[in-house]
Amino acid sequence: MAFQTLIDHKKQCGFGLIEIMVTLVVLAVGLLGIATLQMRGYQTSQISLNRTVAVLKANDMADRIRANSAGAVAGAYNSISGYPLSYTDCTQTTCTAEQLAEFDRYEWNYNLSLVLPSGQGTVVANGNMFTVTVMWDEFNSGATGTGCDYENEDDMRCVILEIRI
């Protein structure tokens, strides 16, 4: 009987080690899955944050246009894109409606570039209707297109807001 126990023990040598190795592989795959889930959750949160900021910034420019209705009627907010060549700091001095529009253009585009990846904005007027567009590179892929086509990877993501004054 002692001989039989010794033979059974020899058949099981190393089997416990294989069980541990399989357990470690299963655990490693599970941890990798959790890490991937966390990373994807972070990416989704960042995309959501960028879209929220874009909506807020579009509304910011809409409020600026409404607040400076004299400049809007005079056409100072028509065809806004990029930074103005020069502007007057309206926080330090009294400005005309046109100067305030140039200051709004500078401040708005500067803030967009700070809070959104490759952030930029445009405003186009058609009579008393203004189209405010905020664009950004959602996936930090180097996108530069301004077509706002979600199917085209070369185009930036956009939020478009139309207002009437």
C-alpha atoms as a PDB file:
ATOM      1  CA  MET A   1       0.000   0.000   0.000  1.00  0.00           C
ATOM      2  CA  ALA A   2       2.865   2.416   0.701  1.00  0.00           C
ATOM      3  CA  PHE A   3       4.189   1.634  -2.775  1.00  0.00           C
ATOM      4  CA  GLN A   4       0.817   2.512  -4.378  1.00  0.00           C
ATOM      5  CA  THR A   5       0.717   5.922  -2.600  1.00  0.00           C
ATOM      6  CA  LEU A   6       4.204   6.730  -3.864  1.00  0.00           C
ATOM      7  CA  ILE A   7       3.186   5.961  -7.474  1.00  0.00           C
ATOM      8  CA  ASP A   8       0.030   8.154  -7.214  1.00  0.00           C
ATOM      9  CA  HIS A   9       2.130  10.982  -5.795  1.00  0.00           C
ATOM     10  CA  LYS A  10       4.607  10.782  -8.699  1.00  0.00           C
ATOM     11  CA  LYS A  11       1.750  11.053 -11.236  1.00  0.00           C
ATOM     12  CA  GLN A  12       0.656  14.331  -9.640  1.00  0.00           C
ATOM     13  CA  CYS A  13       4.091  16.012  -9.502  1.00  0.00           C
ATOM     14  CA  GLY A  14       3.930  19.439 -11.209  1.00  0.00           C
ATOM     15  CA  PHE A  15       0.157  19.455 -11.612  1.00  0.00           C
ATOM     16  CA  GLY A  16      -0.265  22.093  -8.856  1.00  0.00           C
ATOM     17  CA  LEU A  17       2.311  24.301 -10.592  1.00  0.00           C
ATOM     18  CA  ILE A  18       0.373  24.108 -13.873  1.00  0.00           C
ATOM     19  CA  GLU A  19      -2.821  25.097 -12.035  1.00  0.00           C
ATOM     20  CA  ILE A  20      -1.065  28.138 -10.584  1.00  0.00           C
ATOM     21  CA  MET A  21       0.310  29.139 -14.001  1.00  0.00           C
ATOM     22  CA  VAL A  22      -3.147  28.889 -15.592  1.00  0.00           C
ATOM     23  CA  THR A  23      -4.579  30.954 -12.746  1.00  0.00           C
ATOM     24  CA  LEU A  24      -1.912  33.632 -13.280  1.00  0.00           C
ATOM     25  CA  VAL A  25      -2.658  33.782 -17.017  1.00  0.00           C
ATOM     26  CA  VAL A  26      -6.395  34.166 -16.357  1.00  0.00           C
ATOM     27  CA  LEU A  27      -5.679  36.856 -13.748  1.00  0.00           C
ATOM     28  CA  ALA A  28      -3.325  38.718 -16.124  1.00  0.00           C
ATOM     29  CA  VAL A  29      -5.916  38.705 -18.915  1.00  0.00           C
ATOM     30  CA  GLY A  30      -8.539  40.001 -16.490  1.00  0.00           C
ATOM     31  CA  LEU A  31      -6.279  42.816 -15.275  1.00  0.00           C
ATOM     32  CA  LEU A  32      -5.459  43.744 -18.867  1.00  0.00           C
ATOM     33  CA  GLY A  33      -9.182  43.928 -19.602  1.00  0.00           C
ATOM     34  CA  ILE A  34      -9.765  46.182 -16.596  1.00  0.00           C
ATOM     35  CA  ALA A  35      -6.896  48.465 -17.669  1.00  0.00           C
ATOM     36  CA  THR A  36      -8.330  48.686 -21.191  1.00  0.00           C
ATOM     37  CA  LEU A  37     -11.756  49.501 -19.780  1.00  0.00           C
ATOM     38  CA  GLN A  38     -10.282  52.269 -17.624  1.00  0.00           C
ATOM     39  CA  MET A  39      -8.380  53.729 -20.584  1.00  0.00           C
ATOM     40  CA  ARG A  40     -11.466  53.697 -22.803  1.00  0.00           C
ATOM     41  CA  GLY A  41     -13.493  55.333 -20.038  1.00  0.00           C
ATOM     42  CA  TYR A  42     -10.901  58.112 -19.755  1.00  0.00           C
ATOM     43  CA  GLN A  43     -10.937  58.678 -23.526  1.00  0.00           C
ATOM     44  CA  THR A  44     -14.722  58.845 -23.587  1.00  0.00           C
ATOM     45  CA  SER A  45     -14.717  61.297 -20.674  1.00  0.00           C
ATOM     46  CA  GLN A  46     -12.202  63.513 -22.497  1.00  0.00           C
ATOM     47  CA  ILE A  47     -14.309  63.494 -25.682  1.00  0.00           C
ATOM     48  CA  SER A  48     -17.389  64.399 -23.641  1.00  0.00           C
ATOM     49  CA  LEU A  49     -15.515  67.204 -21.886  1.00  0.00           C
ATOM     50  CA  ASN A  50     -14.305  68.641 -25.210  1.00  0.00           C
ATOM     51  CA  ARG A  51     -17.818  68.619 -26.634  1.00  0.00           C
ATOM     52  CA  THR A  52     -19.204  70.316 -23.531  1.00  0.00           C
ATOM     53  CA  VAL A  53     -16.494  72.988 -23.643  1.00  0.00           C
ATOM     54  CA  ALA A  54     -17.182  73.556 -27.356  1.00  0.00           C
ATOM     55  CA  VAL A  55     -20.884  74.133 -26.668  1.00  0.00           C
ATOM     56  CA  LEU A  56     -20.030  76.529 -23.833  1.00  0.00           C
ATOM     57  CA  LYS A  57     -17.596  78.467 -26.046  1.00  0.00           C
ATOM     58  CA  ALA A  58     -20.120  78.702 -28.888  1.00  0.00           C
ATOM     59  CA  ASN A  59     -22.639  80.119 -26.418  1.00  0.00           C
ATOM     60  CA  ASP A  60     -19.937  82.470 -25.112  1.00  0.00           C
ATOM     61  CA  MET A  61     -19.532  84.035 -28.559  1.00  0.00           C
ATOM     62  CA  ALA A  62     -23.298  84.146 -29.025  1.00  0.00           C
ATOM     63  CA  ASP A  63     -23.568  86.093 -25.758  1.00  0.00           C
ATOM     64  CA  ARG A  64     -20.786  88.446 -26.886  1.00  0.00           C
ATOM     65  CA  ILE A  65     -22.636  89.135 -30.134  1.00  0.00           C
ATOM     66  CA  ARG A  66     -25.896  89.776 -28.292  1.00  0.00           C
ATOM     67  CA  ALA A  67     -24.142  92.067 -25.795  1.00  0.00           C
ATOM     68  CA  ASN A  68     -22.581  94.122 -28.606  1.00  0.00           C
ATOM     69  CA  SER A  69     -25.616  94.425 -30.850  1.00  0.00           C
ATOM     70  CA  ALA A  70     -24.333  97.725 -32.295  1.00  0.00           C
ATOM     71  CA  GLY A  71     -21.187  95.949 -33.491  1.00  0.00           C
ATOM     72  CA  ALA A  72     -23.244  93.050 -34.818  1.00  0.00           C
ATOM     73  CA  VAL A  73     -25.533  95.355 -36.805  1.00  0.00           C
ATOM     74  CA  ALA A  74     -22.477  97.219 -38.151  1.00  0.00           C
ATOM     75  CA  GLY A  75     -21.055  93.912 -39.455  1.00  0.00           C
ATOM     76  CA  ALA A  76     -18.128  93.724 -37.039  1.00  0.00           C
ATOM     77  CA  TYR A  77     -18.850  90.058 -36.275  1.00  0.00           C
ATOM     78  CA  ASN A  78     -19.126  88.963 -39.906  1.00  0.00           C
ATOM     79  CA  SER A  79     -16.487  86.515 -41.183  1.00  0.00           C
ATOM     80  CA  ILE A  80     -14.617  86.088 -37.914  1.00  0.00           C
ATOM     81  CA  SER A  81     -11.870  83.466 -38.016  1.00  0.00           C
ATOM     82  CA  GLY A  82      -8.450  83.353 -36.424  1.00  0.00           C
ATOM     83  CA  TYR A  83      -6.817  86.175 -34.529  1.00  0.00           C
ATOM     84  CA  PRO A  84      -7.164  89.844 -35.497  1.00  0.00           C
ATOM     85  CA  LEU A  85      -3.992  91.584 -36.642  1.00  0.00           C
ATOM     86  CA  SER A  86      -4.464  94.174 -33.912  1.00  0.00           C
ATOM     87  CA  TYR A  87      -6.964  94.793 -31.175  1.00  0.00           C
ATOM     88  CA  THR A  88      -7.638  97.144 -28.291  1.00  0.00           C
ATOM     89  CA  ASP A  89      -7.784  95.632 -24.819  1.00  0.00           C
ATOM     90  CA  CYS A  90     -11.314  96.613 -23.875  1.00  0.00           C
ATOM     91  CA  THR A  91     -10.773  95.595 -20.255  1.00  0.00           C
ATOM     92  CA  GLN A  92      -8.329  98.515 -19.873  1.00  0.00           C
ATOM     93  CA  THR A  93      -9.996 101.238 -21.943  1.00  0.00           C
ATOM     94  CA  THR A  94     -13.323 102.317 -23.402  1.00  0.00           C
ATOM     95  CA  CYS A  95     -13.900 100.787 -26.839  1.00  0.00           C
ATOM     96  CA  THR A  96     -16.130 101.399 -29.817  1.00  0.00           C
ATOM     97  CA  ALA A  97     -18.492  98.643 -30.959  1.00  0.00           C
ATOM     98  CA  GLU A  98     -16.014  97.603 -33.695  1.00  0.00           C
ATOM     99  CA  GLN A  99     -13.080  97.545 -31.266  1.00  0.00           C
ATOM    100  CA  LEU A 100     -15.121  95.445 -28.858  1.00  0.00           C
ATOM    101  CA  ALA A 101     -15.889  92.988 -31.674  1.00  0.00           C
ATOM    102  CA  GLU A 102     -12.155  92.691 -32.487  1.00  0.00           C
ATOM    103  CA  PHE A 103     -11.382  92.194 -28.807  1.00  0.00           C
ATOM    104  CA  ASP A 104     -14.107  89.528 -28.580  1.00  0.00           C
ATOM    105  CA  ARG A 105     -12.621  87.813 -31.643  1.00  0.00           C
ATOM    106  CA  TYR A 106      -9.147  87.764 -30.100  1.00  0.00           C
ATOM    107  CA  GLU A 107     -10.239  86.680 -26.643  1.00  0.00           C
ATOM    108  CA  TRP A 108     -12.610  83.988 -27.945  1.00  0.00           C
ATOM    109  CA  ASN A 109     -10.097  82.398 -30.323  1.00  0.00           C
ATOM    110  CA  TYR A 110      -7.332  82.631 -27.715  1.00  0.00           C
ATOM    111  CA  ASN A 111      -9.517  80.842 -25.153  1.00  0.00           C
ATOM    112  CA  LEU A 112     -10.504  78.191 -27.716  1.00  0.00           C
ATOM    113  CA  SER A 113      -6.845  77.443 -28.403  1.00  0.00           C
ATOM    114  CA  LEU A 114      -6.242  77.002 -24.661  1.00  0.00           C
ATOM    115  CA  VAL A 115      -9.154  74.738 -23.752  1.00  0.00           C
ATOM    116  CA  LEU A 116      -9.599  72.565 -26.872  1.00  0.00           C
ATOM    117  CA  PRO A 117      -6.990  70.594 -28.829  1.00  0.00           C
ATOM    118  CA  SER A 118      -6.279  72.739 -31.926  1.00  0.00           C
ATOM    119  CA  GLY A 119      -9.346  74.774 -30.968  1.00  0.00           C
ATOM    120  CA  GLN A 120     -10.529  77.531 -33.270  1.00  0.00           C
ATOM    121  CA  GLY A 121     -13.745  79.263 -34.151  1.00  0.00           C
ATOM    122  CA  THR A 122     -15.548  81.129 -36.891  1.00  0.00           C
ATOM    123  CA  VAL A 123     -18.550  83.415 -37.080  1.00  0.00           C
ATOM    124  CA  VAL A 124     -20.414  84.091 -40.316  1.00  0.00           C
ATOM    125  CA  ALA A 125     -23.278  86.570 -40.555  1.00  0.00           C
ATOM    126  CA  ASN A 126     -26.146  86.508 -42.999  1.00  0.00           C
ATOM    127  CA  GLY A 127     -28.310  89.510 -42.260  1.00  0.00           C
ATOM    128  CA  ASN A 128     -29.353  89.230 -38.630  1.00  0.00           C
ATOM    129  CA  MET A 129     -28.540  85.482 -38.529  1.00  0.00           C
ATOM    130  CA  PHE A 130     -25.123  84.480 -37.151  1.00  0.00           C
ATOM    131  CA  THR A 131     -23.549  81.034 -37.461  1.00  0.00           C
ATOM    132  CA  VAL A 132     -21.006  80.371 -34.707  1.00  0.00           C
ATOM    133  CA  THR A 133     -18.763  77.354 -35.325  1.00  0.00           C
ATOM    134  CA  VAL A 134     -16.290  75.891 -32.824  1.00  0.00           C
ATOM    135  CA  MET A 135     -13.786  73.363 -34.222  1.00  0.00           C
ATOM    136  CA  TRP A 136     -11.275  71.092 -32.505  1.00  0.00           C
ATOM    137  CA  ASP A 137      -9.141  68.007 -33.178  1.00  0.00           C
ATOM    138  CA  GLU A 138     -11.125  65.473 -31.144  1.00  0.00           C
ATOM    139  CA  PHE A 139      -8.641  62.596 -31.356  1.00  0.00           C
ATOM    140  CA  ASN A 140      -5.404  64.661 -31.443  1.00  0.00           C
ATOM    141  CA  SER A 141      -4.721  63.161 -34.866  1.00  0.00           C
ATOM    142  CA  GLY A 142      -3.465  66.329 -36.509  1.00  0.00           C
ATOM    143  CA  ALA A 143      -6.768  66.952 -38.306  1.00  0.00           C
ATOM    144  CA  THR A 144      -6.890  70.369 -39.956  1.00  0.00           C
ATOM    145  CA  GLY A 145      -9.931  70.216 -42.235  1.00  0.00           C
ATOM    146  CA  THR A 146     -12.742  72.623 -41.520  1.00  0.00           C
ATOM    147  CA  GLY A 147     -15.495  70.728 -43.340  1.00  0.00           C
ATOM    148  CA  CYS A 148     -17.037  69.468 -40.081  1.00  0.00           C
ATOM    149  CA  ASP A 149     -17.640  66.035 -41.645  1.00  0.00           C
ATOM    150  CA  TYR A 150     -17.640  63.319 -38.971  1.00  0.00           C
ATOM    151  CA  GLU A 151     -17.001  60.672 -41.647  1.00  0.00           C
ATOM    152  CA  ASN A 152     -13.786  62.372 -42.812  1.00  0.00           C
ATOM    153  CA  GLU A 153     -10.853  61.780 -40.446  1.00  0.00           C
ATOM    154  CA  ASP A 154      -9.059  64.873 -41.792  1.00  0.00           C
ATOM    155  CA  ASP A 155     -11.858  67.183 -40.651  1.00  0.00           C
ATOM    156  CA  MET A 156     -12.060  68.627 -37.181  1.00  0.00           C
ATOM    157  CA  ARG A 157     -15.078  68.032 -34.986  1.00  0.00           C
ATOM    158  CA  CYS A 158     -17.500  70.941 -34.837  1.00  0.00           C
ATOM    159  CA  VAL A 159     -20.271  72.481 -32.825  1.00  0.00           C
ATOM    160  CA  ILE A 160     -22.428  74.843 -34.867  1.00  0.00           C
ATOM    161  CA  LEU A 161     -24.768  77.331 -33.210  1.00  0.00           C
ATOM    162  CA  GLU A 162     -27.080  79.666 -35.096  1.00  0.00           C
ATOM    163  CA  ILE A 163     -28.423  82.784 -33.432  1.00  0.00           C
ATOM    164  CA  ARG A 164     -30.621  85.637 -34.534  1.00  0.00           C
ATOM    165  CA  ILE A 165     -30.342  89.162 -33.165  1.00  0.00           C
END
